C-alpha atoms as a PDB file:
ATOM      1  CA  MET A   1     100.463  91.702 104.412  1.00  0.00           C
ATOM      2  CA  SER A   2      98.823  94.179 102.040  1.00  0.00           C
ATOM      3  CA  GLU A   3      97.666  97.654 102.912  1.00  0.00           C
ATOM      4  CA  THR A   4      94.009  98.163 103.721  1.00  0.00           C
ATOM      5  CA  ARG A   5      92.140  99.545 100.724  1.00  0.00           C
ATOM      6  CA  LEU A   6      89.587 101.557 102.703  1.00  0.00           C
ATOM      7  CA  MET A   7      90.883 104.424 104.804  1.00  0.00           C
ATOM      8  CA  THR A   8      89.285 106.149 107.766  1.00  0.00           C
ATOM      9  CA  ARG A   9      89.371 109.918 108.143  1.00  0.00           C
ATOM     10  CA  ALA A  10      92.509 109.693 110.309  1.00  0.00           C
ATOM     11  CA  ALA A  11      94.189 107.274 107.898  1.00  0.00           C
ATOM     12  CA  LEU A  12      93.421 109.566 104.929  1.00  0.00           C
ATOM     13  CA  ARG A  13      94.962 112.535 106.674  1.00  0.00           C
ATOM     14  CA  ALA A  14      98.044 110.484 107.604  1.00  0.00           C
ATOM     15  CA  TYR A  15      98.276 109.187 104.011  1.00  0.00           C
ATOM     16  CA  LEU A  16      98.313 112.813 102.839  1.00  0.00           C
ATOM     17  CA  HIS A  17     101.128 113.576 105.322  1.00  0.00           C
ATOM     18  CA  GLY A  18      99.032 115.608 107.733  1.00  0.00           C
ATOM     19  CA  LEU A  19      97.428 117.924 105.176  1.00  0.00           C
ATOM     20  CA  PRO A  20      95.002 120.158 107.131  1.00  0.00           C
ATOM     21  CA  TRP A  21      91.339 119.120 106.976  1.00  0.00           C
ATOM     22  CA  GLY A  22      90.357 122.485 105.526  1.00  0.00           C
ATOM     23  CA  GLU A  23      92.642 121.812 102.566  1.00  0.00           C
ATOM     24  CA  ILE A  24      91.435 118.211 102.193  1.00  0.00           C
ATOM     25  CA  ASN A  25      87.804 119.392 102.188  1.00  0.00           C
ATOM     26  CA  ALA A  26      88.589 122.125  99.651  1.00  0.00           C
ATOM     27  CA  ARG A  27      90.246 119.578  97.358  1.00  0.00           C
ATOM     28  CA  MET A  28      87.261 117.237  97.672  1.00  0.00           C
ATOM     29  CA  GLU A  29      84.876 120.083  96.783  1.00  0.00           C
ATOM     30  CA  ALA A  30      87.082 120.966  93.787  1.00  0.00           C
ATOM     31  CA  HIS A  31      87.019 117.265  92.726  1.00  0.00           C
ATOM     32  CA  ARG A  32      90.803 117.031  93.134  1.00  0.00           C
ATOM     33  CA  LEU A  33      90.433 114.384  95.853  1.00  0.00           C
ATOM     34  CA  PRO A  34      87.642 111.806  96.034  1.00  0.00           C
ATOM     35  CA  LYS A  35      84.843 112.117  98.532  1.00  0.00           C
ATOM     36  CA  PRO A  36      84.114 109.221 100.885  1.00  0.00           C
ATOM     37  CA  LEU A  37      82.364 106.169  99.526  1.00  0.00           C
ATOM     38  CA  TRP A  38      78.631 105.571  99.734  1.00  0.00           C
ATOM     39  CA  ASN A  39      77.742 109.295  99.998  1.00  0.00           C
ATOM     40  CA  THR A  40      78.937 109.366 103.603  1.00  0.00           C
ATOM     41  CA  PRO A  41      79.719 112.890 104.864  1.00  0.00           C
ATOM     42  CA  PRO A  42      83.503 113.351 105.300  1.00  0.00           C
ATOM     43  CA  ASP A  43      83.147 114.106 109.012  1.00  0.00           C
ATOM     44  CA  HIS A  44      80.972 111.030 109.757  1.00  0.00           C
ATOM     45  CA  PRO A  45      82.705 108.272 111.787  1.00  0.00           C
ATOM     46  CA  ALA A  46      81.725 105.701 109.136  1.00  0.00           C
ATOM     47  CA  ALA A  47      83.324 107.645 106.259  1.00  0.00           C
ATOM     48  CA  ARG A  48      85.817 105.592 104.243  1.00  0.00           C
ATOM     49  CA  TRP A  49      88.005 106.555 101.286  1.00  0.00           C
ATOM     50  CA  ASP A  50      89.194 104.172  98.589  1.00  0.00           C
ATOM     51  CA  ARG A  51      93.016 104.209  98.612  1.00  0.00           C
ATOM     52  CA  LYS A  52      93.135 103.494  94.862  1.00  0.00           C
ATOM     53  CA  ALA A  53      90.854 106.454  94.101  1.00  0.00           C
ATOM     54  CA  VAL A  54      93.050 108.691  96.262  1.00  0.00           C
ATOM     55  CA  ASP A  55      96.141 107.404  94.428  1.00  0.00           C
ATOM     56  CA  ARG A  56      94.525 108.132  91.035  1.00  0.00           C
ATOM     57  CA  ALA A  57      93.732 111.686  92.173  1.00  0.00           C
ATOM     58  CA  LEU A  58      97.334 112.152  93.323  1.00  0.00           C
ATOM     59  CA  ASP A  59      98.617 110.731  90.021  1.00  0.00           C
ATOM     60  CA  ALA A  60      96.448 113.192  88.103  1.00  0.00           C
ATOM     61  CA  ALA A  61      97.630 116.094  90.271  1.00  0.00           C
ATOM     62  CA  SER A  62     101.254 115.215  89.562  1.00  0.00           C
ATOM     63  CA  GLY A  63     100.649 115.016  85.820  1.00  0.00           C
ATOM     64  CA  MET A  64     101.047 111.261  85.541  1.00  0.00           C
ATOM     65  CA  PRO A  65      99.200 109.753  82.563  1.00  0.00           C
ATOM     66  CA  LEU A  66      96.099 107.858  83.670  1.00  0.00           C
ATOM     67  CA  THR A  67      95.786 105.461  80.711  1.00  0.00           C
ATOM     68  CA  VAL A  68      98.193 103.334  78.683  1.00  0.00           C
ATOM     69  CA  GLU A  69      97.453 105.454  75.615  1.00  0.00           C
ATOM     70  CA  ALA A  70      98.136 108.693  77.491  1.00  0.00           C
ATOM     71  CA  GLY A  71     101.336 107.198  78.910  1.00  0.00           C
ATOM     72  CA  THR A  72     102.516 106.160  75.453  1.00  0.00           C
ATOM     73  CA  ALA A  73     101.763 109.616  74.038  1.00  0.00           C
ATOM     74  CA  PHE A  74     103.543 111.254  76.986  1.00  0.00           C
ATOM     75  CA  LEU A  75     106.669 109.125  76.489  1.00  0.00           C
ATOM     76  CA  ASP A  76     106.622 109.578  72.712  1.00  0.00           C
ATOM     77  CA  LYS A  77     106.540 113.350  73.171  1.00  0.00           C
ATOM     78  CA  ALA A  78     109.180 113.314  75.928  1.00  0.00           C
ATOM     79  CA  LEU A  79     111.499 111.194  73.785  1.00  0.00           C
ATOM     80  CA  GLY A  80     110.962 113.360  70.687  1.00  0.00           C
ATOM     81  CA  PHE A  81     109.025 110.836  68.626  1.00  0.00           C
ATOM     82  CA  ARG A  82     106.137 113.294  68.140  1.00  0.00           C
END
């Protein structure tokens, strides 16, 4: 069975290993984490986050390349080809 793509507020916090809500909100305001879909306020019971969007934000925060071209350039540089 696959993981659910949409996450509730509680599921998002669990996915982020219990990161405090103040920190999650600050990261959303700084555009380092996505806001909930459909312009729903983060504290609304209907708020849902896209797991893939959260994963992309985490990838970007860890410095992972977000495109094939960026990944190729990153590896070329790391391996001394550039």
